[in-house]
Amino acid sequence: MDIEKLQEFMELVGRLKHMKRTGWVLKNVSDPETIAGHMYRMAMFSFLVDNENLDKVKIMQMALIHDLAECIVGDITPSCGIPSEIKHKLEDEAMEDICKLLGDRGPMILEIFREYEKQESPEAKYVKDLDRLDLIMQAYEYEKRDNIPGKLEEFFTTTSGKIRHPFIQKLASEIIARRQALCCNLTTSV
């Protein structure tokens, strides 16, 4: 592997450690998570996979790869006003550039990224559910930490009914129940 290209790749990945996630920035959340933090927690979630029919290693790889293009294009959300097809094109082109830096490992990483983007496998669908779970978990944590119950409702609304895997649905339901209890406790104590 070309050391110079590997160093360039690691610098690109390093950007993700400092890039705040756009949705939280737009909502003026103080000290919002970074893209790398989001990807890391999703990878940690992959240890919870208990379904023998899913490839745990692929799920972990996909969790670590799914937002990698954002080190070049940034965290593009629906609020950015960029059409979905353009967002996906920009991200795919960025991933092609990133994967060129990785020599013979690049094609595998690009394949995993595209599998996730196209939602072509049970693993890709599981990782998408993990992505949604992490979103609502993070929103709940911010509402709780910052004492702003209900302020981040749109993140719950946009994921409502979209989580399909039964285990992840169960986790999401628990988060939503805790959030509702938090909201009720805060409004009754005021």
C-alpha atoms as a PDB file:
ATOM      1  CA  MET A   1       0.000   0.000   0.000  1.00  0.00           C
ATOM      2  CA  ASP A   2       1.260   3.463  -0.899  1.00  0.00           C
ATOM      3  CA  ILE A   3       2.173   5.169   2.393  1.00  0.00           C
ATOM      4  CA  GLU A   4       1.568   8.653   0.985  1.00  0.00           C
ATOM      5  CA  LYS A   5      -1.953   7.724  -0.152  1.00  0.00           C
ATOM      6  CA  LEU A   6      -2.621   6.013   3.151  1.00  0.00           C
ATOM      7  CA  GLN A   7      -1.583   9.172   4.990  1.00  0.00           C
ATOM      8  CA  GLU A   8      -3.934  11.223   2.775  1.00  0.00           C
ATOM      9  CA  PHE A   9      -6.744   8.756   3.548  1.00  0.00           C
ATOM     10  CA  MET A  10      -6.115   8.983   7.296  1.00  0.00           C
ATOM     11  CA  GLU A  11      -6.150  12.784   7.133  1.00  0.00           C
ATOM     12  CA  LEU A  12      -9.523  12.643   5.382  1.00  0.00           C
ATOM     13  CA  VAL A  13     -10.874  10.265   8.020  1.00  0.00           C
ATOM     14  CA  GLY A  14      -9.426  12.542  10.701  1.00  0.00           C
ATOM     15  CA  ARG A  15     -11.672  15.353   9.490  1.00  0.00           C
ATOM     16  CA  LEU A  16     -14.672  13.368  10.700  1.00  0.00           C
ATOM     17  CA  LYS A  17     -13.402  13.615  14.280  1.00  0.00           C
ATOM     18  CA  HIS A  18     -13.999  17.367  14.165  1.00  0.00           C
ATOM     19  CA  MET A  19     -17.001  17.745  11.837  1.00  0.00           C
ATOM     20  CA  LYS A  20     -20.171  18.404  13.805  1.00  0.00           C
ATOM     21  CA  ARG A  21     -23.332  16.754  12.527  1.00  0.00           C
ATOM     22  CA  THR A  22     -25.386  19.281  10.578  1.00  0.00           C
ATOM     23  CA  GLY A  23     -28.791  18.484  12.055  1.00  0.00           C
ATOM     24  CA  TRP A  24     -27.638  19.299  15.569  1.00  0.00           C
ATOM     25  CA  VAL A  25     -25.791  22.433  14.468  1.00  0.00           C
ATOM     26  CA  LEU A  26     -28.915  23.724  12.694  1.00  0.00           C
ATOM     27  CA  LYS A  27     -30.906  23.111  15.889  1.00  0.00           C
ATOM     28  CA  ASN A  28     -28.331  25.059  17.929  1.00  0.00           C
ATOM     29  CA  VAL A  29     -27.502  22.067  20.111  1.00  0.00           C
ATOM     30  CA  SER A  30     -24.531  22.948  22.275  1.00  0.00           C
ATOM     31  CA  ASP A  31     -21.501  20.687  21.924  1.00  0.00           C
ATOM     32  CA  PRO A  32     -23.061  18.436  19.247  1.00  0.00           C
ATOM     33  CA  GLU A  33     -21.629  15.074  18.305  1.00  0.00           C
ATOM     34  CA  THR A  34     -19.197  14.672  15.447  1.00  0.00           C
ATOM     35  CA  ILE A  35     -19.662  12.454  12.431  1.00  0.00           C
ATOM     36  CA  ALA A  36     -16.929  10.151  13.759  1.00  0.00           C
ATOM     37  CA  GLY A  37     -18.695   9.910  17.118  1.00  0.00           C
ATOM     38  CA  HIS A  38     -21.911   8.917  15.374  1.00  0.00           C
ATOM     39  CA  MET A  39     -20.156   6.289  13.258  1.00  0.00           C
ATOM     40  CA  TYR A  40     -18.323   4.910  16.291  1.00  0.00           C
ATOM     41  CA  ARG A  41     -21.495   4.414  18.330  1.00  0.00           C
ATOM     42  CA  MET A  42     -23.145   2.731  15.361  1.00  0.00           C
ATOM     43  CA  ALA A  43     -20.176   0.364  15.099  1.00  0.00           C
ATOM     44  CA  MET A  44     -20.504  -0.369  18.813  1.00  0.00           C
ATOM     45  CA  PHE A  45     -24.197  -1.163  18.253  1.00  0.00           C
ATOM     46  CA  SER A  46     -23.082  -3.863  15.827  1.00  0.00           C
ATOM     47  CA  PHE A  47     -21.920  -5.904  18.817  1.00  0.00           C
ATOM     48  CA  LEU A  48     -25.572  -6.214  19.796  1.00  0.00           C
ATOM     49  CA  VAL A  49     -26.473  -8.152  16.644  1.00  0.00           C
ATOM     50  CA  ASP A  50     -27.965 -11.409  17.824  1.00  0.00           C
ATOM     51  CA  ASN A  51     -29.404 -12.628  14.554  1.00  0.00           C
ATOM     52  CA  GLU A  52     -27.433 -15.560  13.146  1.00  0.00           C
ATOM     53  CA  ASN A  53     -28.540 -14.693   9.610  1.00  0.00           C
ATOM     54  CA  LEU A  54     -26.746 -11.332   9.621  1.00  0.00           C
ATOM     55  CA  ASP A  55     -23.032 -10.854   8.984  1.00  0.00           C
ATOM     56  CA  LYS A  56     -21.835  -9.003  12.101  1.00  0.00           C
ATOM     57  CA  VAL A  57     -18.482  -8.081  10.578  1.00  0.00           C
ATOM     58  CA  LYS A  58     -20.146  -6.585   7.516  1.00  0.00           C
ATOM     59  CA  ILE A  59     -22.524  -4.614   9.757  1.00  0.00           C
ATOM     60  CA  MET A  60     -19.582  -3.178  11.690  1.00  0.00           C
ATOM     61  CA  GLN A  61     -17.734  -2.353   8.466  1.00  0.00           C
ATOM     62  CA  MET A  62     -20.824  -0.709   7.002  1.00  0.00           C
ATOM     63  CA  ALA A  63     -21.384   1.330  10.163  1.00  0.00           C
ATOM     64  CA  LEU A  64     -17.814   2.629   9.942  1.00  0.00           C
ATOM     65  CA  ILE A  65     -18.070   3.327   6.203  1.00  0.00           C
ATOM     66  CA  HIS A  66     -21.619   4.633   5.721  1.00  0.00           C
ATOM     67  CA  ASP A  67     -20.804   8.331   6.353  1.00  0.00           C
ATOM     68  CA  LEU A  68     -17.167   8.278   5.226  1.00  0.00           C
ATOM     69  CA  ALA A  69     -17.879  10.411   2.125  1.00  0.00           C
ATOM     70  CA  GLU A  70     -18.856  13.245   4.457  1.00  0.00           C
ATOM     71  CA  CYS A  71     -15.153  13.917   5.078  1.00  0.00           C
ATOM     72  CA  ILE A  72     -15.188  15.428   1.563  1.00  0.00           C
ATOM     73  CA  VAL A  73     -18.787  16.550   0.895  1.00  0.00           C
ATOM     74  CA  GLY A  74     -19.831  17.384   4.452  1.00  0.00           C
ATOM     75  CA  ASP A  75     -22.954  16.252   6.288  1.00  0.00           C
ATOM     76  CA  ILE A  76     -25.712  16.984   3.788  1.00  0.00           C
ATOM     77  CA  THR A  77     -29.180  16.848   5.349  1.00  0.00           C
ATOM     78  CA  PRO A  78     -32.614  17.520   3.861  1.00  0.00           C
ATOM     79  CA  SER A  79     -32.384  20.986   5.463  1.00  0.00           C
ATOM     80  CA  CYS A  80     -29.462  21.817   3.162  1.00  0.00           C
ATOM     81  CA  GLY A  81     -31.789  22.041   0.143  1.00  0.00           C
ATOM     82  CA  ILE A  82     -29.730  19.665  -1.995  1.00  0.00           C
ATOM     83  CA  PRO A  83     -31.859  17.122  -3.863  1.00  0.00           C
ATOM     84  CA  SER A  84     -31.375  13.541  -2.705  1.00  0.00           C
ATOM     85  CA  GLU A  85     -30.113  12.310  -6.078  1.00  0.00           C
ATOM     86  CA  ILE A  86     -27.411  15.014  -6.155  1.00  0.00           C
ATOM     87  CA  LYS A  87     -26.425  14.234  -2.548  1.00  0.00           C
ATOM     88  CA  HIS A  88     -26.011  10.558  -3.431  1.00  0.00           C
ATOM     89  CA  LYS A  89     -24.041  11.402  -6.572  1.00  0.00           C
ATOM     90  CA  LEU A  90     -21.675  13.691  -4.655  1.00  0.00           C
ATOM     91  CA  GLU A  91     -21.172  11.086  -1.949  1.00  0.00           C
ATOM     92  CA  ASP A  92     -20.559   8.303  -4.470  1.00  0.00           C
ATOM     93  CA  GLU A  93     -17.974  10.403  -6.307  1.00  0.00           C
ATOM     94  CA  ALA A  94     -16.293  11.246  -2.992  1.00  0.00           C
ATOM     95  CA  MET A  95     -16.187   7.562  -2.066  1.00  0.00           C
ATOM     96  CA  GLU A  96     -14.615   6.714  -5.420  1.00  0.00           C
ATOM     97  CA  ASP A  97     -11.885   9.287  -4.709  1.00  0.00           C
ATOM     98  CA  ILE A  98     -11.398   8.017  -1.162  1.00  0.00           C
ATOM     99  CA  CYS A  99     -11.220   4.389  -2.274  1.00  0.00           C
ATOM    100  CA  LYS A 100      -8.573   5.184  -4.908  1.00  0.00           C
ATOM    101  CA  LEU A 101      -6.275   5.988  -2.002  1.00  0.00           C
ATOM    102  CA  LEU A 102      -6.660   2.490  -0.559  1.00  0.00           C
ATOM    103  CA  GLY A 103      -5.173   0.370  -3.322  1.00  0.00           C
ATOM    104  CA  ASP A 104      -6.559  -3.147  -3.487  1.00  0.00           C
ATOM    105  CA  ARG A 105      -8.770  -2.561  -0.416  1.00  0.00           C
ATOM    106  CA  GLY A 106     -10.602   0.340  -2.052  1.00  0.00           C
ATOM    107  CA  PRO A 107     -13.005  -1.709  -4.213  1.00  0.00           C
ATOM    108  CA  MET A 108     -14.269  -3.675  -1.196  1.00  0.00           C
ATOM    109  CA  ILE A 109     -14.936  -0.485   0.778  1.00  0.00           C
ATOM    110  CA  LEU A 110     -16.681   1.115  -2.191  1.00  0.00           C
ATOM    111  CA  GLU A 111     -18.804  -2.018  -2.626  1.00  0.00           C
ATOM    112  CA  ILE A 112     -19.847  -1.961   1.042  1.00  0.00           C
ATOM    113  CA  PHE A 113     -20.696   1.751   0.804  1.00  0.00           C
ATOM    114  CA  ARG A 114     -22.822   1.214  -2.326  1.00  0.00           C
ATOM    115  CA  GLU A 115     -24.554  -1.781  -0.788  1.00  0.00           C
ATOM    116  CA  TYR A 116     -25.571   0.423   2.122  1.00  0.00           C
ATOM    117  CA  GLU A 117     -26.670   3.285  -0.109  1.00  0.00           C
ATOM    118  CA  LYS A 118     -28.797   0.995  -2.280  1.00  0.00           C
ATOM    119  CA  GLN A 119     -30.130  -0.900   0.741  1.00  0.00           C
ATOM    120  CA  GLU A 120     -29.394  -4.136  -1.132  1.00  0.00           C
ATOM    121  CA  SER A 121     -28.942  -6.552   1.761  1.00  0.00           C
ATOM    122  CA  PRO A 122     -30.331  -7.410   5.185  1.00  0.00           C
ATOM    123  CA  GLU A 123     -27.115  -5.989   6.668  1.00  0.00           C
ATOM    124  CA  ALA A 124     -27.608  -2.668   4.843  1.00  0.00           C
ATOM    125  CA  LYS A 125     -31.172  -2.459   6.122  1.00  0.00           C
ATOM    126  CA  TYR A 126     -30.009  -3.284   9.646  1.00  0.00           C
ATOM    127  CA  VAL A 127     -27.352  -0.553   9.534  1.00  0.00           C
ATOM    128  CA  LYS A 128     -29.951   1.940   8.249  1.00  0.00           C
ATOM    129  CA  ASP A 129     -32.084   1.026  11.255  1.00  0.00           C
ATOM    130  CA  LEU A 130     -29.054   1.524  13.513  1.00  0.00           C
ATOM    131  CA  ASP A 131     -28.551   4.950  11.923  1.00  0.00           C
ATOM    132  CA  ARG A 132     -32.130   5.904  12.750  1.00  0.00           C
ATOM    133  CA  LEU A 133     -31.841   4.457  16.255  1.00  0.00           C
ATOM    134  CA  ASP A 134     -28.698   6.466  16.926  1.00  0.00           C
ATOM    135  CA  LEU A 135     -30.455   9.606  15.690  1.00  0.00           C
ATOM    136  CA  ILE A 136     -33.356   9.316  18.121  1.00  0.00           C
ATOM    137  CA  MET A 137     -31.083   8.182  20.937  1.00  0.00           C
ATOM    138  CA  GLN A 138     -28.904  11.237  20.410  1.00  0.00           C
ATOM    139  CA  ALA A 139     -31.924  13.549  20.214  1.00  0.00           C
ATOM    140  CA  TYR A 140     -33.260  12.089  23.481  1.00  0.00           C
ATOM    141  CA  GLU A 141     -29.869  12.521  25.135  1.00  0.00           C
ATOM    142  CA  TYR A 142     -29.687  16.172  24.078  1.00  0.00           C
ATOM    143  CA  GLU A 143     -33.226  16.896  25.274  1.00  0.00           C
ATOM    144  CA  LYS A 144     -32.385  15.288  28.605  1.00  0.00           C
ATOM    145  CA  ARG A 145     -28.930  16.885  28.955  1.00  0.00           C
ATOM    146  CA  ASP A 146     -30.058  20.374  27.974  1.00  0.00           C
ATOM    147  CA  ASN A 147     -33.464  20.226  29.685  1.00  0.00           C
ATOM    148  CA  ILE A 148     -35.283  20.932  26.407  1.00  0.00           C
ATOM    149  CA  PRO A 149     -38.039  18.312  26.278  1.00  0.00           C
ATOM    150  CA  GLY A 150     -39.757  18.138  22.925  1.00  0.00           C
ATOM    151  CA  LYS A 151     -37.413  20.583  21.181  1.00  0.00           C
ATOM    152  CA  LEU A 152     -35.968  17.904  18.909  1.00  0.00           C
ATOM    153  CA  GLU A 153     -39.306  16.353  17.949  1.00  0.00           C
ATOM    154  CA  GLU A 154     -38.562  16.484  14.209  1.00  0.00           C
ATOM    155  CA  PHE A 155     -35.881  13.819  14.601  1.00  0.00           C
ATOM    156  CA  PHE A 156     -38.433  11.456  16.116  1.00  0.00           C
ATOM    157  CA  THR A 157     -41.039  12.343  13.498  1.00  0.00           C
ATOM    158  CA  THR A 158     -38.716  11.719  10.557  1.00  0.00           C
ATOM    159  CA  THR A 159     -37.820   8.239  11.828  1.00  0.00           C
ATOM    160  CA  SER A 160     -41.324   7.249  12.971  1.00  0.00           C
ATOM    161  CA  GLY A 161     -42.385   3.951  11.427  1.00  0.00           C
ATOM    162  CA  LYS A 162     -39.138   3.561   9.469  1.00  0.00           C
ATOM    163  CA  ILE A 163     -37.257   1.187  11.781  1.00  0.00           C
ATOM    164  CA  ARG A 164     -38.026  -2.323  10.606  1.00  0.00           C
ATOM    165  CA  HIS A 165     -35.793  -4.740  12.481  1.00  0.00           C
ATOM    166  CA  PRO A 166     -37.691  -6.078  15.547  1.00  0.00           C
ATOM    167  CA  PHE A 167     -34.764  -5.791  17.968  1.00  0.00           C
ATOM    168  CA  ILE A 168     -33.980  -2.215  16.912  1.00  0.00           C
ATOM    169  CA  GLN A 169     -37.701  -1.360  17.017  1.00  0.00           C
ATOM    170  CA  LYS A 170     -37.738  -2.575  20.611  1.00  0.00           C
ATOM    171  CA  LEU A 171     -34.755  -0.368  21.491  1.00  0.00           C
ATOM    172  CA  ALA A 172     -36.350   2.614  19.731  1.00  0.00           C
ATOM    173  CA  SER A 173     -39.632   2.077  21.575  1.00  0.00           C
ATOM    174  CA  GLU A 174     -37.771   2.091  24.880  1.00  0.00           C
ATOM    175  CA  ILE A 175     -36.040   5.373  24.003  1.00  0.00           C
ATOM    176  CA  ILE A 176     -39.354   6.929  22.981  1.00  0.00           C
ATOM    177  CA  ALA A 177     -40.995   5.743  26.217  1.00  0.00           C
ATOM    178  CA  ARG A 178     -38.165   7.217  28.298  1.00  0.00           C
ATOM    179  CA  ARG A 179     -38.430  10.460  26.351  1.00  0.00           C
ATOM    180  CA  GLN A 180     -42.181  10.647  26.971  1.00  0.00           C
ATOM    181  CA  ALA A 181     -41.626  10.029  30.677  1.00  0.00           C
ATOM    182  CA  LEU A 182     -38.949  12.733  30.725  1.00  0.00           C
ATOM    183  CA  CYS A 183     -41.260  15.189  29.002  1.00  0.00           C
ATOM    184  CA  CYS A 184     -44.109  14.397  31.401  1.00  0.00           C
ATOM    185  CA  ASN A 185     -41.865  14.683  34.470  1.00  0.00           C
ATOM    186  CA  LEU A 186     -40.445  18.002  33.374  1.00  0.00           C
ATOM    187  CA  THR A 187     -43.816  19.531  32.534  1.00  0.00           C
ATOM    188  CA  THR A 188     -45.456  18.385  35.776  1.00  0.00           C
ATOM    189  CA  SER A 189     -42.567  19.623  37.917  1.00  0.00           C
ATOM    190  CA  VAL A 190     -42.706  23.147  36.454  1.00  0.00           C
END
